[in-house]
Each structure stands twice: as C-alpha cells, then as structure tokens.
Amino acid sequence: MTSESRGVNAVGPCDAAVLHMVCGKIASGKSTLTTRLVDVPRTVLISEDQWIACLYPDEIHTPADYVSRAARMRTVLTEHICSLLAAGISVVLDFPFNTVNTRAWGRSLFQTVSCEHWLHYLDVSDAICKSRLMARNVSGEHPFQTSEAQYDQITRYFVPPAPDEGFNIIVYDETGKVCSRAGS
C-alpha cells in the first residue's frame, strides 16, 4: 500500500467532517444554499423535501401532518447521518432548522460524533420570501406548492437562532451574502 492510499484509507472518526444545517423561512434560499454547500469533496446532501415527497406522497395537508412525518423521518435518519459523519463524510442537511426543537436534533447529531458544524441562517424578509414563493409555485419545480396563507401559518413557528443555543452560525442576507459568522 502506498502512503497516498494509506492516507485515503486512514480517515478517522469525523476527520474533517462537517455538519451543515440551514435555518430560514420558506423560500428564503435554503435549498439554493445547500446545493452550493454540497459542492465539496466527501460531502453528501440529504433533502427533507425529497424524502418527504417520496415517503409520504399526498399525506402532508396540515402543519401537524408535516410535524409527525418529519419527526418520524428524523428518527430513521439520525443513525445514518451520524454514521456518515463518523466516517469522515460531511453532511449538508436541507431541513428547516427553524425551531429550537429541530435545532436541538441538529445539535445532538454533531455532539454524538464530535464533529464540526455550521448553522447557516438566511435572514430574509417575509416580503422577499413570499415573492420567491410565488415564483417557485409558478415554476412547478418544487415538490410542494405553498400558498401565502400556508406561508403565514407555518412562519408563525419560525424562531431565529439565538447565541445561547450553542451553534457556530453564519448569517446571510437576502442576496446570499454572508453578513456575520459566530462560533459557539
């Protein structure tokens, strides 16, 4: 075995693995950002919308439907995500880490395997999000259509991340520009 191949095979637990999580209102740009974040070697993307659309077609009609299906999916994926991180594979989660509870799940992931992490917070106004949402609905490219009333109903549960939650946070504005970085 060459020293070069030994280096590839000698990846230890969480060797350079990073867990990336995104926080932002509907249509704030989370999926667009995660597509950019995954463009790094040894990085995988797991998209909640894709999994939910495949696992629970036509079952999401209310916020309660979403909450129960998403919780079930997180339970199933937890061990898999931790295994990837422990193997040195970075993971980008295109999940809305928009509440204290969902962020607690994210924290449990990176703490379980002691890997690096970033919570990417897209700080975008309701007006811009609604404009993007309407354009997304018209395009038909997203697996879910969300009305303005549904946007308002869901956004009531949105809680911006707080420094005392213990995350490394990168804040972005509506153009995708980084406004600030803060480590825990």
N, C-alpha and C. Protein backbone atom coordinates (compact mmCIF):
# COMPACT_ATOMS: atom_id res chain seq x y z
N MET A 1 0.85 -1.18 0.00
CA MET A 1 0.00 0.00 0.00
C MET A 1 0.89 1.24 0.00
N THR A 2 0.59 2.18 -0.84
CA THR A 2 1.38 3.41 -0.90
C THR A 2 0.96 4.35 0.22
N SER A 3 1.84 5.30 0.51
CA SER A 3 1.49 6.27 1.55
C SER A 3 0.28 7.09 1.13
N GLU A 4 0.13 7.30 -0.19
CA GLU A 4 -1.02 8.07 -0.67
C GLU A 4 -2.32 7.29 -0.41
N SER A 5 -2.35 6.00 -0.71
CA SER A 5 -3.56 5.24 -0.48
C SER A 5 -3.82 5.05 1.00
N ARG A 6 -2.76 4.93 1.82
CA ARG A 6 -2.95 4.83 3.26
C ARG A 6 -3.64 6.09 3.79
N GLY A 7 -3.29 7.23 3.26
CA GLY A 7 -3.91 8.48 3.70
C GLY A 7 -5.40 8.48 3.41
N VAL A 8 -5.80 7.95 2.27
CA VAL A 8 -7.21 7.90 1.92
C VAL A 8 -7.94 6.93 2.84
N ASN A 9 -7.33 5.78 3.14
CA ASN A 9 -7.98 4.77 3.96
C ASN A 9 -7.89 5.06 5.45
N ALA A 10 -7.07 6.00 5.83
CA ALA A 10 -6.85 6.25 7.25
C ALA A 10 -7.76 7.33 7.82
N VAL A 11 -8.86 7.58 7.15
CA VAL A 11 -9.78 8.59 7.64
C VAL A 11 -10.36 8.12 8.96
N GLY A 12 -10.13 8.88 9.99
CA GLY A 12 -10.63 8.52 11.31
C GLY A 12 -12.00 9.12 11.55
N PRO A 13 -12.57 8.85 12.70
CA PRO A 13 -13.88 9.40 13.02
C PRO A 13 -13.88 10.93 12.87
N CYS A 14 -14.83 11.40 12.10
CA CYS A 14 -15.06 12.83 11.89
C CYS A 14 -13.84 13.57 11.35
N ASP A 15 -12.93 12.86 10.69
CA ASP A 15 -11.77 13.51 10.11
C ASP A 15 -12.25 14.51 9.07
N ALA A 16 -12.30 15.76 9.44
CA ALA A 16 -12.71 16.88 8.59
C ALA A 16 -14.20 16.87 8.26
N ALA A 17 -14.97 16.01 8.89
CA ALA A 17 -16.41 16.01 8.62
C ALA A 17 -17.05 17.24 9.23
N VAL A 18 -17.99 17.81 8.50
CA VAL A 18 -18.72 18.99 8.96
C VAL A 18 -20.21 18.73 8.75
N LEU A 19 -21.01 19.05 9.74
CA LEU A 19 -22.46 19.00 9.60
C LEU A 19 -22.94 20.41 9.29
N HIS A 20 -23.62 20.55 8.15
CA HIS A 20 -24.19 21.84 7.75
C HIS A 20 -25.70 21.76 7.90
N MET A 21 -26.27 22.72 8.61
CA MET A 21 -27.72 22.83 8.80
C MET A 21 -28.15 24.21 8.30
N VAL A 22 -29.40 24.31 7.86
CA VAL A 22 -29.90 25.59 7.35
C VAL A 22 -31.14 26.02 8.12
N CYS A 23 -31.24 27.32 8.32
CA CYS A 23 -32.35 27.93 9.04
C CYS A 23 -32.83 29.12 8.23
N GLY A 24 -34.11 29.16 7.94
CA GLY A 24 -34.67 30.28 7.19
C GLY A 24 -36.11 29.99 6.85
N LYS A 25 -36.86 31.03 6.64
CA LYS A 25 -38.28 30.89 6.31
C LYS A 25 -38.44 30.19 4.95
N ILE A 26 -39.67 29.80 4.66
CA ILE A 26 -39.98 29.18 3.37
C ILE A 26 -39.54 30.13 2.26
N ALA A 27 -38.83 29.59 1.26
CA ALA A 27 -38.37 30.32 0.08
C ALA A 27 -37.31 31.37 0.40
N SER A 28 -36.61 31.20 1.51
CA SER A 28 -35.53 32.13 1.85
C SER A 28 -34.24 31.81 1.10
N GLY A 29 -34.16 30.61 0.51
CA GLY A 29 -32.97 30.24 -0.24
C GLY A 29 -32.21 29.06 0.36
N LYS A 30 -32.85 28.31 1.25
CA LYS A 30 -32.16 27.20 1.91
C LYS A 30 -31.67 26.14 0.92
N SER A 31 -32.54 25.71 0.01
CA SER A 31 -32.15 24.67 -0.95
C SER A 31 -31.09 25.18 -1.92
N THR A 32 -31.19 26.42 -2.31
CA THR A 32 -30.17 27.01 -3.19
C THR A 32 -28.82 27.01 -2.49
N LEU A 33 -28.80 27.39 -1.22
CA LEU A 33 -27.55 27.40 -0.46
C LEU A 33 -27.01 25.99 -0.28
N THR A 34 -27.87 25.04 0.05
CA THR A 34 -27.37 23.67 0.28
C THR A 34 -26.77 23.08 -0.98
N THR A 35 -27.29 23.45 -2.13
CA THR A 35 -26.72 22.98 -3.40
C THR A 35 -25.29 23.48 -3.55
N ARG A 36 -25.01 24.69 -3.10
CA ARG A 36 -23.64 25.22 -3.14
C ARG A 36 -22.75 24.56 -2.09
N LEU A 37 -23.30 24.32 -0.90
CA LEU A 37 -22.51 23.74 0.18
C LEU A 37 -22.05 22.32 -0.11
N VAL A 38 -22.83 21.60 -0.89
CA VAL A 38 -22.51 20.20 -1.16
C VAL A 38 -21.44 20.06 -2.26
N ASP A 39 -21.06 21.16 -2.86
CA ASP A 39 -20.08 21.14 -3.94
C ASP A 39 -18.65 21.09 -3.38
N VAL A 40 -18.43 20.16 -2.45
CA VAL A 40 -17.14 19.97 -1.80
C VAL A 40 -16.90 18.45 -1.76
N PRO A 41 -15.67 18.01 -2.01
CA PRO A 41 -15.41 16.55 -1.95
C PRO A 41 -15.82 15.97 -0.59
N ARG A 42 -16.24 14.72 -0.63
CA ARG A 42 -16.62 13.94 0.56
C ARG A 42 -17.77 14.60 1.32
N THR A 43 -18.74 15.12 0.56
CA THR A 43 -19.90 15.79 1.14
C THR A 43 -21.16 15.26 0.48
N VAL A 44 -22.17 14.95 1.29
CA VAL A 44 -23.45 14.48 0.77
C VAL A 44 -24.57 15.42 1.20
N LEU A 45 -25.60 15.46 0.39
CA LEU A 45 -26.78 16.27 0.65
C LEU A 45 -27.94 15.34 0.98
N ILE A 46 -28.66 15.67 2.05
CA ILE A 46 -29.89 14.97 2.38
C ILE A 46 -30.98 16.03 2.43
N SER A 47 -31.97 15.89 1.54
CA SER A 47 -33.02 16.89 1.39
C SER A 47 -34.33 16.38 1.98
N GLU A 48 -34.81 17.07 3.00
CA GLU A 48 -36.07 16.69 3.64
C GLU A 48 -37.22 16.69 2.63
N ASP A 49 -37.32 17.71 1.80
CA ASP A 49 -38.43 17.79 0.84
C ASP A 49 -38.46 16.57 -0.08
N GLN A 50 -37.30 16.14 -0.56
CA GLN A 50 -37.26 14.98 -1.45
C GLN A 50 -37.70 13.72 -0.72
N TRP A 51 -37.19 13.52 0.50
CA TRP A 51 -37.55 12.33 1.27
C TRP A 51 -39.04 12.33 1.60
N ILE A 52 -39.56 13.45 2.06
CA ILE A 52 -40.97 13.51 2.43
C ILE A 52 -41.86 13.30 1.21
N ALA A 53 -41.48 13.90 0.08
CA ALA A 53 -42.29 13.73 -1.13
C ALA A 53 -42.34 12.27 -1.57
N CYS A 54 -41.23 11.54 -1.40
CA CYS A 54 -41.19 10.12 -1.79
C CYS A 54 -41.85 9.21 -0.75
N LEU A 55 -41.59 9.47 0.52
CA LEU A 55 -42.10 8.59 1.57
C LEU A 55 -43.57 8.84 1.90
N TYR A 56 -44.00 10.08 1.80
CA TYR A 56 -45.36 10.43 2.24
C TYR A 56 -46.12 11.21 1.16
N PRO A 57 -46.23 10.66 -0.05
CA PRO A 57 -46.94 11.41 -1.09
C PRO A 57 -48.39 11.64 -0.71
N ASP A 58 -48.85 12.84 -0.91
CA ASP A 58 -50.24 13.24 -0.64
C ASP A 58 -50.66 13.03 0.81
N GLU A 59 -49.71 13.05 1.75
CA GLU A 59 -50.04 12.89 3.17
C GLU A 59 -49.83 14.16 3.99
N ILE A 60 -49.27 15.19 3.38
CA ILE A 60 -48.99 16.42 4.12
C ILE A 60 -50.04 17.46 3.72
N HIS A 61 -51.01 17.68 4.63
CA HIS A 61 -52.08 18.64 4.37
C HIS A 61 -52.16 19.73 5.43
N THR A 62 -51.56 19.46 6.59
CA THR A 62 -51.60 20.42 7.69
C THR A 62 -50.21 20.49 8.33
N PRO A 63 -49.96 21.53 9.11
CA PRO A 63 -48.68 21.56 9.83
C PRO A 63 -48.49 20.32 10.72
N ALA A 64 -49.56 19.82 11.31
CA ALA A 64 -49.46 18.62 12.16
C ALA A 64 -49.03 17.41 11.34
N ASP A 65 -49.53 17.29 10.11
CA ASP A 65 -49.11 16.19 9.22
C ASP A 65 -47.61 16.27 8.98
N TYR A 66 -47.15 17.48 8.66
CA TYR A 66 -45.72 17.67 8.41
C TYR A 66 -44.89 17.32 9.64
N VAL A 67 -45.29 17.83 10.79
CA VAL A 67 -44.52 17.62 12.02
C VAL A 67 -44.38 16.13 12.32
N SER A 68 -45.47 15.38 12.21
CA SER A 68 -45.40 13.95 12.54
C SER A 68 -44.54 13.19 11.54
N ARG A 69 -44.67 13.48 10.24
CA ARG A 69 -43.88 12.77 9.22
C ARG A 69 -42.40 13.16 9.32
N ALA A 70 -42.13 14.43 9.53
CA ALA A 70 -40.74 14.89 9.64
C ALA A 70 -40.06 14.29 10.86
N ALA A 71 -40.78 14.20 11.97
CA ALA A 71 -40.20 13.61 13.19
C ALA A 71 -39.88 12.14 12.96
N ARG A 72 -40.77 11.43 12.32
CA ARG A 72 -40.54 10.02 12.01
C ARG A 72 -39.31 9.85 11.12
N MET A 73 -39.20 10.72 10.13
CA MET A 73 -38.07 10.65 9.20
C MET A 73 -36.76 10.97 9.92
N ARG A 74 -36.75 11.99 10.77
CA ARG A 74 -35.54 12.32 11.53
C ARG A 74 -35.10 11.14 12.39
N THR A 75 -36.05 10.46 13.00
CA THR A 75 -35.72 9.30 13.84
C THR A 75 -35.00 8.23 13.01
N VAL A 76 -35.50 7.97 11.82
CA VAL A 76 -34.89 6.96 10.95
C VAL A 76 -33.52 7.40 10.46
N LEU A 77 -33.36 8.68 10.14
CA LEU A 77 -32.11 9.17 9.56
C LEU A 77 -31.00 9.45 10.56
N THR A 78 -31.32 9.60 11.83
CA THR A 78 -30.33 10.00 12.83
C THR A 78 -29.10 9.11 12.82
N GLU A 79 -29.28 7.81 12.93
CA GLU A 79 -28.13 6.91 12.97
C GLU A 79 -27.33 6.95 11.66
N HIS A 80 -28.03 7.05 10.54
CA HIS A 80 -27.37 7.11 9.23
C HIS A 80 -26.51 8.37 9.12
N ILE A 81 -27.05 9.51 9.52
CA ILE A 81 -26.31 10.76 9.45
C ILE A 81 -25.08 10.69 10.35
N CYS A 82 -25.25 10.17 11.56
CA CYS A 82 -24.12 10.05 12.49
C CYS A 82 -23.06 9.10 11.93
N SER A 83 -23.47 8.05 11.26
CA SER A 83 -22.52 7.11 10.65
C SER A 83 -21.71 7.80 9.55
N LEU A 84 -22.39 8.58 8.73
CA LEU A 84 -21.68 9.31 7.68
C LEU A 84 -20.66 10.27 8.28
N LEU A 85 -21.07 11.03 9.27
CA LEU A 85 -20.17 11.99 9.91
C LEU A 85 -18.99 11.27 10.57
N ALA A 86 -19.26 10.18 11.25
CA ALA A 86 -18.20 9.42 11.92
C ALA A 86 -17.22 8.82 10.92
N ALA A 87 -17.67 8.58 9.70
CA ALA A 87 -16.80 8.04 8.65
C ALA A 87 -16.01 9.14 7.95
N GLY A 88 -16.19 10.39 8.38
CA GLY A 88 -15.45 11.49 7.78
C GLY A 88 -16.14 12.11 6.59
N ILE A 89 -17.41 11.81 6.38
CA ILE A 89 -18.19 12.38 5.28
C ILE A 89 -18.95 13.58 5.82
N SER A 90 -18.78 14.72 5.21
CA SER A 90 -19.56 15.90 5.60
C SER A 90 -20.99 15.73 5.11
N VAL A 91 -21.92 16.27 5.88
CA VAL A 91 -23.34 16.14 5.55
C VAL A 91 -23.98 17.52 5.53
N VAL A 92 -24.69 17.80 4.45
CA VAL A 92 -25.47 19.03 4.32
C VAL A 92 -26.93 18.61 4.44
N LEU A 93 -27.59 19.11 5.47
CA LEU A 93 -29.00 18.78 5.69
C LEU A 93 -29.87 19.92 5.19
N ASP A 94 -30.59 19.65 4.10
CA ASP A 94 -31.56 20.62 3.60
C ASP A 94 -32.88 20.35 4.32
N PHE A 95 -32.86 20.66 5.61
CA PHE A 95 -34.00 20.55 6.51
C PHE A 95 -34.19 21.93 7.12
N PRO A 96 -35.40 22.33 7.43
CA PRO A 96 -35.56 23.64 8.07
C PRO A 96 -35.29 23.56 9.58
N PHE A 97 -34.13 24.03 9.99
CA PHE A 97 -33.79 24.08 11.41
C PHE A 97 -34.34 25.39 11.98
N ASN A 98 -35.67 25.50 11.93
CA ASN A 98 -36.35 26.77 12.18
C ASN A 98 -36.96 26.91 13.57
N THR A 99 -36.82 25.89 14.40
CA THR A 99 -37.33 25.97 15.77
C THR A 99 -36.25 25.49 16.72
N VAL A 100 -36.41 25.81 17.97
CA VAL A 100 -35.45 25.37 18.99
C VAL A 100 -35.40 23.84 19.02
N ASN A 101 -36.56 23.18 18.87
CA ASN A 101 -36.58 21.71 18.91
C ASN A 101 -35.86 21.08 17.73
N THR A 102 -36.06 21.59 16.52
CA THR A 102 -35.36 21.00 15.38
C THR A 102 -33.86 21.26 15.48
N ARG A 103 -33.50 22.41 16.00
CA ARG A 103 -32.07 22.70 16.18
C ARG A 103 -31.47 21.80 17.27
N ALA A 104 -32.26 21.42 18.26
CA ALA A 104 -31.77 20.50 19.30
C ALA A 104 -31.42 19.15 18.67
N TRP A 105 -32.23 18.71 17.70
CA TRP A 105 -31.91 17.47 16.97
C TRP A 105 -30.58 17.64 16.23
N GLY A 106 -30.40 18.75 15.54
CA GLY A 106 -29.13 19.01 14.84
C GLY A 106 -27.95 19.01 15.80
N ARG A 107 -28.12 19.65 16.95
CA ARG A 107 -27.05 19.68 17.95
C ARG A 107 -26.71 18.26 18.40
N SER A 108 -27.74 17.42 18.59
CA SER A 108 -27.49 16.04 19.03
C SER A 108 -26.66 15.28 18.00
N LEU A 109 -26.84 15.59 16.73
CA LEU A 109 -26.08 14.91 15.68
C LEU A 109 -24.59 15.22 15.78
N PHE A 110 -24.24 16.52 15.80
CA PHE A 110 -22.81 16.84 15.82
C PHE A 110 -22.18 16.55 17.17
N GLN A 111 -22.94 16.60 18.23
CA GLN A 111 -22.38 16.25 19.54
C GLN A 111 -22.15 14.75 19.67
N THR A 112 -23.02 13.94 19.09
CA THR A 112 -22.87 12.49 19.16
C THR A 112 -21.55 12.04 18.58
N VAL A 113 -21.14 12.66 17.47
CA VAL A 113 -19.90 12.24 16.80
C VAL A 113 -18.76 13.25 16.96
N SER A 114 -18.98 14.29 17.73
CA SER A 114 -17.95 15.31 17.99
C SER A 114 -17.34 15.86 16.70
N CYS A 115 -18.19 16.28 15.79
CA CYS A 115 -17.68 16.86 14.54
C CYS A 115 -17.94 18.37 14.51
N GLU A 116 -17.32 19.01 13.56
CA GLU A 116 -17.56 20.44 13.34
C GLU A 116 -18.98 20.63 12.81
N HIS A 117 -19.49 21.84 12.94
CA HIS A 117 -20.82 22.13 12.44
C HIS A 117 -20.96 23.60 12.10
N TRP A 118 -21.92 23.88 11.24
CA TRP A 118 -22.33 25.25 10.93
C TRP A 118 -23.84 25.28 10.77
N LEU A 119 -24.45 26.26 11.40
CA LEU A 119 -25.86 26.55 11.18
C LEU A 119 -25.89 27.78 10.28
N HIS A 120 -26.40 27.61 9.07
CA HIS A 120 -26.47 28.69 8.08
C HIS A 120 -27.86 29.32 8.19
N TYR A 121 -27.89 30.58 8.64
CA TYR A 121 -29.15 31.28 8.87
C TYR A 121 -29.37 32.30 7.76
N LEU A 122 -30.45 32.09 7.00
CA LEU A 122 -30.81 33.02 5.92
C LEU A 122 -31.82 34.01 6.48
N ASP A 123 -31.36 35.22 6.73
CA ASP A 123 -32.17 36.27 7.33
C ASP A 123 -32.83 37.08 6.22
N VAL A 124 -33.98 36.60 5.77
CA VAL A 124 -34.67 37.17 4.61
C VAL A 124 -36.07 37.61 5.04
N SER A 125 -36.49 38.77 4.57
CA SER A 125 -37.79 39.32 4.98
C SER A 125 -38.95 38.49 4.43
N ASP A 126 -40.10 38.64 5.07
CA ASP A 126 -41.31 37.96 4.61
C ASP A 126 -41.67 38.38 3.19
N ALA A 127 -41.53 39.65 2.88
CA ALA A 127 -41.90 40.15 1.55
C ALA A 127 -41.07 39.45 0.46
N ILE A 128 -39.78 39.33 0.68
CA ILE A 128 -38.92 38.67 -0.32
C ILE A 128 -39.24 37.18 -0.40
N CYS A 129 -39.42 36.55 0.75
CA CYS A 129 -39.75 35.12 0.77
C CYS A 129 -41.06 34.85 0.03
N LYS A 130 -42.07 35.67 0.26
CA LYS A 130 -43.37 35.48 -0.41
C LYS A 130 -43.24 35.68 -1.91
N SER A 131 -42.46 36.65 -2.32
CA SER A 131 -42.24 36.87 -3.75
C SER A 131 -41.56 35.66 -4.38
N ARG A 132 -40.53 35.15 -3.72
CA ARG A 132 -39.84 33.96 -4.22
C ARG A 132 -40.76 32.75 -4.22
N LEU A 133 -41.59 32.63 -3.19
CA LEU A 133 -42.51 31.51 -3.08
C LEU A 133 -43.50 31.49 -4.25
N MET A 134 -44.04 32.63 -4.58
CA MET A 134 -44.99 32.69 -5.69
C MET A 134 -44.30 32.29 -7.00
N ALA A 135 -43.07 32.76 -7.19
CA ALA A 135 -42.32 32.39 -8.41
C ALA A 135 -42.03 30.89 -8.42
N ARG A 136 -41.69 30.34 -7.26
CA ARG A 136 -41.42 28.90 -7.16
C ARG A 136 -42.68 28.10 -7.46
N ASN A 137 -43.81 28.55 -6.94
CA ASN A 137 -45.07 27.85 -7.21
C ASN A 137 -45.40 27.85 -8.69
N VAL A 138 -45.17 28.98 -9.35
CA VAL A 138 -45.46 29.09 -10.78
C VAL A 138 -44.54 28.17 -11.58
N SER A 139 -43.28 28.06 -11.17
CA SER A 139 -42.32 27.23 -11.91
C SER A 139 -42.68 25.75 -11.85
N GLY A 140 -43.33 25.32 -10.76
CA GLY A 140 -43.71 23.92 -10.62
C GLY A 140 -42.55 22.97 -10.37
N GLU A 141 -41.37 23.51 -10.12
CA GLU A 141 -40.18 22.66 -9.95
C GLU A 141 -40.01 22.15 -8.53
N HIS A 142 -40.69 22.72 -7.56
CA HIS A 142 -40.57 22.30 -6.17
C HIS A 142 -41.60 21.20 -5.90
N PRO A 143 -41.26 20.21 -5.06
CA PRO A 143 -42.21 19.13 -4.82
C PRO A 143 -43.49 19.53 -4.08
N PHE A 144 -43.49 20.71 -3.46
CA PHE A 144 -44.66 21.16 -2.72
C PHE A 144 -45.06 22.56 -3.15
N GLN A 145 -46.35 22.79 -3.27
CA GLN A 145 -46.89 24.12 -3.52
C GLN A 145 -47.34 24.69 -2.18
N THR A 146 -46.96 25.92 -1.90
CA THR A 146 -47.32 26.55 -0.63
C THR A 146 -48.01 27.87 -0.92
N SER A 147 -49.22 28.04 -0.39
CA SER A 147 -49.95 29.30 -0.58
C SER A 147 -49.41 30.35 0.39
N GLU A 148 -49.82 31.59 0.15
CA GLU A 148 -49.41 32.67 1.06
C GLU A 148 -50.00 32.45 2.45
N ALA A 149 -51.23 31.95 2.52
CA ALA A 149 -51.84 31.67 3.82
C ALA A 149 -51.08 30.56 4.55
N GLN A 150 -50.67 29.53 3.82
CA GLN A 150 -49.87 28.47 4.44
C GLN A 150 -48.52 29.00 4.89
N TYR A 151 -47.93 29.87 4.08
CA TYR A 151 -46.66 30.51 4.46
C TYR A 151 -46.82 31.21 5.81
N ASP A 152 -47.88 32.02 5.92
CA ASP A 152 -48.12 32.77 7.16
C ASP A 152 -48.33 31.82 8.35
N GLN A 153 -49.09 30.75 8.11
CA GLN A 153 -49.37 29.79 9.18
C GLN A 153 -48.09 29.11 9.65
N ILE A 154 -47.26 28.68 8.72
CA ILE A 154 -46.02 27.96 9.05
C ILE A 154 -44.99 28.91 9.66
N THR A 155 -44.90 30.12 9.14
CA THR A 155 -43.90 31.08 9.59
C THR A 155 -44.14 31.52 11.04
N ARG A 156 -45.35 31.35 11.55
CA ARG A 156 -45.62 31.68 12.95
C ARG A 156 -44.74 30.87 13.90
N TYR A 157 -44.30 29.70 13.45
CA TYR A 157 -43.48 28.81 14.29
C TYR A 157 -41.98 29.09 14.16
N PHE A 158 -41.61 29.96 13.23
CA PHE A 158 -40.19 30.25 12.98
C PHE A 158 -39.58 30.99 14.17
N VAL A 159 -38.43 30.50 14.63
CA VAL A 159 -37.69 31.14 15.72
C VAL A 159 -36.24 31.31 15.25
N PRO A 160 -35.77 32.55 15.09
CA PRO A 160 -34.37 32.74 14.68
C PRO A 160 -33.43 32.12 15.72
N PRO A 161 -32.29 31.63 15.28
CA PRO A 161 -31.35 31.04 16.23
C PRO A 161 -30.80 32.09 17.20
N ALA A 162 -30.59 31.66 18.43
CA ALA A 162 -30.06 32.54 19.47
C ALA A 162 -28.64 32.08 19.83
N PRO A 163 -27.77 33.02 20.19
CA PRO A 163 -26.39 32.66 20.54
C PRO A 163 -26.29 31.61 21.65
N ASP A 164 -27.23 31.64 22.60
CA ASP A 164 -27.14 30.70 23.72
C ASP A 164 -27.52 29.26 23.35
N GLU A 165 -27.91 29.02 22.08
CA GLU A 165 -28.22 27.66 21.64
C GLU A 165 -26.94 26.86 21.36
N GLY A 166 -25.80 27.53 21.27
CA GLY A 166 -24.54 26.82 21.15
C GLY A 166 -24.14 26.39 19.75
N PHE A 167 -24.48 27.14 18.73
CA PHE A 167 -24.13 26.81 17.36
C PHE A 167 -23.07 27.74 16.80
N ASN A 168 -22.29 27.22 15.88
CA ASN A 168 -21.48 28.07 15.00
C ASN A 168 -22.45 28.54 13.93
N ILE A 169 -22.64 29.85 13.83
CA ILE A 169 -23.67 30.40 12.95
C ILE A 169 -23.06 31.29 11.88
N ILE A 170 -23.53 31.10 10.65
CA ILE A 170 -23.22 32.01 9.55
C ILE A 170 -24.55 32.64 9.14
N VAL A 171 -24.61 33.97 9.14
CA VAL A 171 -25.83 34.68 8.78
C VAL A 171 -25.67 35.24 7.36
N TYR A 172 -26.71 35.03 6.54
CA TYR A 172 -26.74 35.52 5.15
C TYR A 172 -27.88 36.51 5.00
N ASP A 173 -27.70 37.47 4.08
CA ASP A 173 -28.79 38.39 3.77
C ASP A 173 -29.58 37.85 2.58
N GLU A 174 -30.57 38.62 2.10
CA GLU A 174 -31.44 38.15 1.00
C GLU A 174 -30.71 37.94 -0.31
N THR A 175 -29.52 38.49 -0.47
CA THR A 175 -28.75 38.27 -1.70
C THR A 175 -27.84 37.04 -1.59
N GLY A 176 -27.79 36.45 -0.42
CA GLY A 176 -26.90 35.30 -0.21
C GLY A 176 -25.54 35.69 0.30
N LYS A 177 -25.35 36.98 0.56
CA LYS A 177 -24.06 37.47 1.07
C LYS A 177 -23.94 37.17 2.56
N VAL A 178 -22.76 36.73 2.97
CA VAL A 178 -22.51 36.47 4.39
C VAL A 178 -22.44 37.80 5.13
N CYS A 179 -23.25 37.93 6.17
CA CYS A 179 -23.27 39.15 7.00
C CYS A 179 -22.41 38.99 8.23
N SER A 180 -22.41 37.78 8.80
CA SER A 180 -21.61 37.56 10.02
C SER A 180 -21.39 36.08 10.24
N ARG A 181 -20.35 35.81 11.05
CA ARG A 181 -20.02 34.46 11.49
C ARG A 181 -19.79 34.54 12.99
N ALA A 182 -20.30 33.53 13.69
CA ALA A 182 -20.09 33.48 15.14
C ALA A 182 -19.96 32.02 15.56
N GLY A 183 -18.92 31.74 16.32
CA GLY A 183 -18.72 30.38 16.83
C GLY A 183 -19.22 30.26 18.25
N SER A 184 -19.56 29.04 18.59
CA SER A 184 -20.07 28.81 19.95
C SER A 184 -18.93 28.68 20.94
